[in-house]
Amino acid sequence: MPETLRSTTTELAASDADLLDRTTLAVREAGAVLRERFGQVVHHRTREELMHALAANDDAALAVLRPRLTALRPNAGWVEDELDGGALPPGEWWVVDPAEGNVNHLHALPDWAVTATLVRENRPVLTVVQLPLTGETYTALAGAGAWLDGKPLRVSRTADLGLGIVATSQARPDEDAEVVRRIGSSITAMLFDALVVRTAVPATLHLANVAAGRIDAFWQFAGARADLLPGALLVTEAGGRISDAEGRPWTPQSESFLAGAPGVHAEAVATLSR
């Protein structure tokens, strides 16, 4: 590698590492805001009331995240809708879920997080996933590894799907009938082939568990950038494999997603492809 290119690459890596640290501070601050709002079930009688409560949580976290992340990367775009999927335009983009698992937060369930991912030319560069109730912070930097509170993460060594814990998630409340049927049949197939199947939202927390070696594989049909990109980077940097459910390379345009430990990934593809 030419010396000038090596120097530029090193400087970029150092800059991204510093950016990850600063992003982590912003995400933790937003998490503290949501933690103060957590505790009681937020009752709602209509869909409109539910959406209003969800938006209130999002707005509270975004009031912290948006100005701080914009200050860190003024020229980066901002994905407005956390449920959007598909490719992004060229350049840098912040993909943020201010309350990942927001519906759990409203129901006083502990499975929720705050996430922020910087995407550069449609590839995640860095991500932060913070669990405000436990204080745990998962981070990853492309090409440099994944960590839980500074300790390196590695996927599991399980080499037999029949000994594995696997998980799936519902990408959104109003899936079309074909996606619902695929979810149901895939769960049935995994109940035959895996040791245990977990089904819950949100996807990001399952993927953090894959990266940490606690769960052996995770799959989902459809999905948004905000619920898959953070975990995709965590799992990849922890030594796991990412594809669609048929084993093809995954992109945000893919209709399915699979992340797993290398020892079970091929078996999971075979199960989901039946």
Protein backbone atom coordinates (compact mmCIF):
# COMPACT_ATOMS: atom_id res chain seq x y z
CA MET A 1 0.00 0.00 0.00
CA PRO A 2 1.43 3.44 -0.91
CA GLU A 3 2.55 5.45 2.10
CA THR A 4 0.09 8.28 1.42
CA LEU A 5 -2.85 5.87 1.16
CA ARG A 6 -1.74 4.02 4.30
CA SER A 7 -1.55 7.33 6.17
CA THR A 8 -5.02 8.36 5.00
CA THR A 9 -6.50 4.99 6.00
CA THR A 10 -4.91 5.17 9.45
CA GLU A 11 -6.18 8.71 9.99
CA LEU A 12 -9.70 7.68 8.93
CA ALA A 13 -9.67 4.72 11.32
CA ALA A 14 -8.51 6.96 14.16
CA SER A 15 -11.20 9.48 13.30
CA ASP A 16 -13.90 6.81 13.26
CA ALA A 17 -12.71 5.42 16.60
CA ASP A 18 -12.99 8.88 18.14
CA LEU A 19 -16.38 9.32 16.50
CA LEU A 20 -17.53 6.03 18.03
CA ASP A 21 -16.57 7.26 21.49
CA ARG A 22 -18.48 10.50 21.00
CA THR A 23 -21.48 8.71 19.56
CA THR A 24 -21.50 6.42 22.59
CA LEU A 25 -21.74 9.42 24.91
CA ALA A 26 -24.70 10.82 22.96
CA VAL A 27 -26.54 7.49 22.92
CA ARG A 28 -26.02 6.99 26.66
CA GLU A 29 -27.40 10.45 27.34
CA ALA A 30 -30.50 9.71 25.27
CA GLY A 31 -30.84 6.39 27.09
CA ALA A 32 -30.87 8.18 30.42
CA VAL A 33 -33.79 10.29 29.20
CA LEU A 34 -35.80 7.21 28.28
CA ARG A 35 -34.89 5.49 31.54
CA GLU A 36 -36.51 8.37 33.43
CA ARG A 37 -39.69 7.83 31.40
CA PHE A 38 -39.82 4.08 32.10
CA GLY A 39 -41.71 2.21 34.79
CA GLN A 40 -45.47 2.27 34.41
CA VAL A 41 -47.58 0.68 31.68
CA VAL A 42 -48.77 3.43 29.35
CA HIS A 43 -52.41 2.58 28.71
CA HIS A 44 -53.94 3.30 25.31
CA ARG A 45 -57.47 2.66 24.06
CA THR A 46 -56.94 3.38 20.36
CA ARG A 47 -54.23 3.02 17.73
CA GLU A 48 -53.98 6.81 17.66
CA GLU A 49 -53.21 6.92 21.39
CA LEU A 50 -50.59 4.20 20.97
CA MET A 51 -48.87 6.04 18.13
CA HIS A 52 -48.88 9.25 20.16
CA ALA A 53 -47.19 7.51 23.10
CA LEU A 54 -44.59 5.90 20.81
CA ALA A 55 -43.84 9.27 19.21
CA ALA A 56 -43.44 10.92 22.61
CA ASN A 57 -40.66 8.48 23.52
CA ASP A 58 -38.98 8.93 20.14
CA ASP A 59 -39.11 12.70 20.41
CA ALA A 60 -37.64 12.70 23.92
CA ALA A 61 -34.62 10.66 22.81
CA LEU A 62 -34.22 12.49 19.49
CA ALA A 63 -34.08 15.82 21.33
CA VAL A 64 -30.73 14.59 22.64
CA LEU A 65 -29.50 12.48 19.73
CA ARG A 66 -30.20 14.63 16.72
CA PRO A 67 -28.29 17.79 17.69
CA ARG A 68 -25.33 15.85 19.10
CA LEU A 69 -24.94 13.47 16.17
CA THR A 70 -25.48 16.26 13.67
CA ALA A 71 -22.70 18.24 15.36
CA LEU A 72 -20.40 15.22 15.06
CA ARG A 73 -21.09 14.75 11.34
CA PRO A 74 -22.71 17.95 9.96
CA ASN A 75 -22.74 16.71 6.37
CA ALA A 76 -24.27 13.32 7.12
CA GLY A 77 -27.87 12.72 6.13
CA TRP A 78 -30.49 11.68 8.65
CA VAL A 79 -32.93 8.83 8.05
CA GLU A 80 -36.26 10.27 9.12
CA ASP A 81 -38.31 7.07 9.28
CA GLU A 82 -36.85 4.28 11.43
CA LEU A 83 -39.06 1.74 9.59
CA ASP A 84 -37.57 2.55 6.18
CA GLY A 85 -35.64 -0.11 4.28
CA GLY A 86 -33.64 -0.33 1.08
CA ALA A 87 -30.46 1.35 -0.10
CA LEU A 88 -29.49 4.86 0.96
CA PRO A 89 -28.25 7.59 -1.38
CA PRO A 90 -24.46 8.03 -1.63
CA GLY A 91 -22.54 9.56 1.27
CA GLU A 92 -22.85 9.30 5.03
CA TRP A 93 -26.12 8.75 6.88
CA TRP A 94 -27.14 8.45 10.49
CA VAL A 95 -29.51 5.52 10.95
CA VAL A 96 -30.98 5.95 14.43
CA ASP A 97 -33.62 4.14 16.42
CA PRO A 98 -34.27 6.42 19.40
CA ALA A 99 -36.34 3.75 21.17
CA GLU A 100 -35.69 0.32 19.69
CA GLY A 101 -38.41 -1.90 21.18
CA ASN A 102 -40.48 1.18 21.95
CA VAL A 103 -43.66 -0.88 22.41
CA ASN A 104 -41.91 -2.84 25.17
CA HIS A 105 -40.98 0.41 26.91
CA LEU A 106 -44.65 1.45 26.91
CA HIS A 107 -45.66 -1.89 28.39
CA ALA A 108 -43.06 -1.67 31.17
CA LEU A 109 -41.09 -4.55 29.65
CA PRO A 110 -37.28 -4.34 29.88
CA ASP A 111 -36.40 -5.28 26.28
CA TRP A 112 -35.62 -1.94 24.64
CA ALA A 113 -32.58 0.07 23.66
CA VAL A 114 -31.26 3.20 21.97
CA THR A 115 -29.21 2.74 18.80
CA ALA A 116 -27.19 4.91 16.44
CA THR A 117 -25.34 3.68 13.35
CA LEU A 118 -23.25 5.67 10.90
CA VAL A 119 -23.57 4.33 7.37
CA ARG A 120 -21.02 5.31 4.72
CA GLU A 121 -21.73 4.43 1.09
CA ASN A 122 -24.37 1.93 2.27
CA ARG A 123 -22.00 0.13 4.66
CA PRO A 124 -22.28 0.48 8.44
CA VAL A 125 -19.11 2.08 9.78
CA LEU A 126 -19.85 2.19 13.48
CA THR A 127 -22.73 1.42 15.78
CA VAL A 128 -23.76 1.92 19.39
CA VAL A 129 -26.53 -0.08 21.08
CA GLN A 130 -27.24 0.99 24.64
CA LEU A 131 -29.50 -0.77 27.15
CA PRO A 132 -30.40 1.95 29.64
CA LEU A 133 -31.93 -0.35 32.26
CA THR A 134 -28.78 -2.46 32.64
CA GLY A 135 -26.27 0.20 31.60
CA GLU A 136 -24.77 -2.16 29.01
CA THR A 137 -23.36 -0.62 25.86
CA TYR A 138 -22.57 -2.65 22.75
CA THR A 139 -20.31 -1.02 20.17
CA ALA A 140 -18.70 -2.01 16.88
CA LEU A 141 -16.31 -0.38 14.45
CA ALA A 142 -15.97 -1.76 10.93
CA GLY A 143 -12.76 -3.73 10.63
CA ALA A 144 -11.82 -3.22 14.27
CA GLY A 145 -14.13 -5.45 16.33
CA ALA A 146 -17.21 -5.47 18.55
CA TRP A 147 -17.36 -4.88 22.28
CA LEU A 148 -19.63 -4.95 25.30
CA ASP A 149 -18.53 -2.19 27.67
CA GLY A 150 -15.03 -2.39 26.26
CA LYS A 151 -14.70 -6.19 26.36
CA PRO A 152 -14.37 -7.99 23.00
CA LEU A 153 -17.37 -9.94 21.73
CA ARG A 154 -17.20 -13.32 19.98
CA VAL A 155 -20.00 -15.40 18.53
CA SER A 156 -20.65 -18.89 19.87
CA ARG A 157 -18.66 -22.01 18.98
CA THR A 158 -21.77 -24.15 18.56
CA ALA A 159 -21.40 -26.42 15.54
CA ASP A 160 -24.75 -28.23 15.63
CA LEU A 161 -28.04 -26.40 15.09
CA GLY A 162 -29.72 -29.11 17.15
CA LEU A 163 -27.79 -27.81 20.15
CA GLY A 164 -28.43 -24.18 19.36
CA ILE A 165 -30.67 -21.43 20.67
CA VAL A 166 -32.12 -19.42 17.79
CA ALA A 167 -34.38 -16.39 17.66
CA THR A 168 -36.62 -14.42 15.35
CA SER A 169 -38.57 -11.19 15.50
CA GLN A 170 -41.57 -9.50 13.94
CA ALA A 171 -40.24 -6.60 11.88
CA ARG A 172 -43.38 -4.44 12.15
CA PRO A 173 -46.99 -4.77 13.37
CA ASP A 174 -48.73 -4.72 9.99
CA GLU A 175 -46.88 -7.29 7.88
CA ASP A 176 -48.60 -8.51 4.74
CA ALA A 177 -50.13 -11.98 4.71
CA GLU A 178 -47.27 -13.62 2.77
CA VAL A 179 -44.64 -12.41 5.26
CA VAL A 180 -46.79 -13.59 8.17
CA ARG A 181 -47.04 -17.05 6.59
CA ARG A 182 -43.26 -17.16 6.06
CA ILE A 183 -42.64 -16.22 9.68
CA GLY A 184 -44.97 -18.95 10.91
CA SER A 185 -43.53 -21.69 8.68
CA SER A 186 -39.95 -20.70 9.54
CA ILE A 187 -40.65 -20.92 13.27
CA THR A 188 -42.17 -24.36 12.76
CA ALA A 189 -39.11 -25.51 10.79
CA MET A 190 -36.75 -24.20 13.46
CA LEU A 191 -38.76 -25.89 16.22
CA PHE A 192 -37.91 -29.18 14.51
CA ASP A 193 -34.23 -28.44 13.86
CA ALA A 194 -32.97 -26.22 16.70
CA LEU A 195 -32.83 -26.82 20.43
CA VAL A 196 -34.84 -23.76 21.47
CA VAL A 197 -36.61 -21.02 19.50
CA ARG A 198 -37.10 -17.54 20.96
CA THR A 199 -39.64 -15.14 19.45
CA ALA A 200 -39.77 -11.53 20.58
CA VAL A 201 -39.06 -7.95 19.59
CA PRO A 202 -36.78 -6.10 19.06
CA ALA A 203 -34.35 -7.62 16.56
CA THR A 204 -31.37 -5.60 17.77
CA LEU A 205 -31.29 -7.24 21.19
CA HIS A 206 -31.33 -10.73 19.66
CA LEU A 207 -28.46 -9.72 17.39
CA ALA A 208 -26.48 -8.35 20.32
CA ASN A 209 -26.92 -11.75 21.95
CA VAL A 210 -25.67 -13.48 18.79
CA ALA A 211 -22.60 -11.24 18.82
CA ALA A 212 -22.04 -12.07 22.50
CA GLY A 213 -22.30 -15.83 21.89
CA ARG A 214 -25.49 -16.24 23.95
CA ILE A 215 -27.70 -17.05 20.96
CA ASP A 216 -26.48 -19.04 17.97
CA ALA A 217 -28.58 -17.58 15.15
CA PHE A 218 -31.22 -14.96 14.39
CA TRP A 219 -33.44 -14.58 11.33
CA GLN A 220 -36.12 -12.17 10.21
CA PHE A 221 -38.26 -11.59 7.15
CA ALA A 222 -38.50 -8.05 5.81
CA GLY A 223 -37.24 -5.46 8.26
CA ALA A 224 -35.92 -1.91 8.40
CA ARG A 225 -32.38 -0.57 8.30
CA ALA A 226 -32.60 0.67 11.87
CA ASP A 227 -33.38 -2.73 13.38
CA LEU A 228 -30.86 -4.76 11.34
CA LEU A 229 -27.81 -2.59 10.57
CA PRO A 230 -26.60 -2.21 14.18
CA GLY A 231 -26.79 -5.93 14.86
CA ALA A 232 -25.36 -6.83 11.46
CA LEU A 233 -22.20 -4.88 12.24
CA LEU A 234 -21.99 -6.27 15.79
CA VAL A 235 -22.30 -9.86 14.59
CA THR A 236 -19.89 -9.44 11.67
CA GLU A 237 -17.24 -7.83 13.86
CA ALA A 238 -17.72 -10.58 16.47
CA GLY A 239 -16.89 -13.24 13.87
CA GLY A 240 -20.38 -14.22 12.77
CA ARG A 241 -21.87 -14.66 9.32
CA ILE A 242 -24.55 -12.50 7.71
CA SER A 243 -26.72 -13.45 4.72
CA ASP A 244 -30.31 -13.57 3.63
CA ALA A 245 -32.36 -16.65 4.59
CA GLU A 246 -31.24 -18.44 1.40
CA GLY A 247 -27.56 -17.84 2.09
CA ARG A 248 -27.07 -15.03 -0.42
CA PRO A 249 -25.22 -11.81 0.52
CA TRP A 250 -27.45 -9.55 2.60
CA THR A 251 -28.11 -5.92 1.75
CA PRO A 252 -30.74 -3.53 3.15
CA GLN A 253 -32.79 -4.34 0.03
CA SER A 254 -32.95 -8.06 0.87
CA GLU A 255 -36.31 -9.61 1.74
CA SER A 256 -34.86 -11.70 4.57
CA PHE A 257 -31.97 -11.65 7.03
CA LEU A 258 -29.93 -14.30 8.80
CA ALA A 259 -27.08 -13.86 11.29
CA GLY A 260 -25.37 -16.77 12.94
CA ALA A 261 -22.29 -18.37 14.36
CA PRO A 262 -20.16 -19.93 11.59
CA GLY A 263 -20.80 -23.44 12.94
CA VAL A 264 -24.59 -23.27 12.50
CA HIS A 265 -25.07 -20.76 9.70
CA ALA A 266 -25.25 -23.29 6.86
CA GLU A 267 -27.68 -25.50 8.79
CA ALA A 268 -29.87 -22.49 9.51
CA VAL A 269 -29.91 -21.62 5.80
CA ALA A 270 -30.95 -25.19 4.99
CA THR A 271 -33.77 -25.06 7.55
CA LEU A 272 -35.08 -21.69 6.39
CA SER A 273 -34.84 -22.65 2.70
CA ARG A 274 -37.15 -25.66 2.97
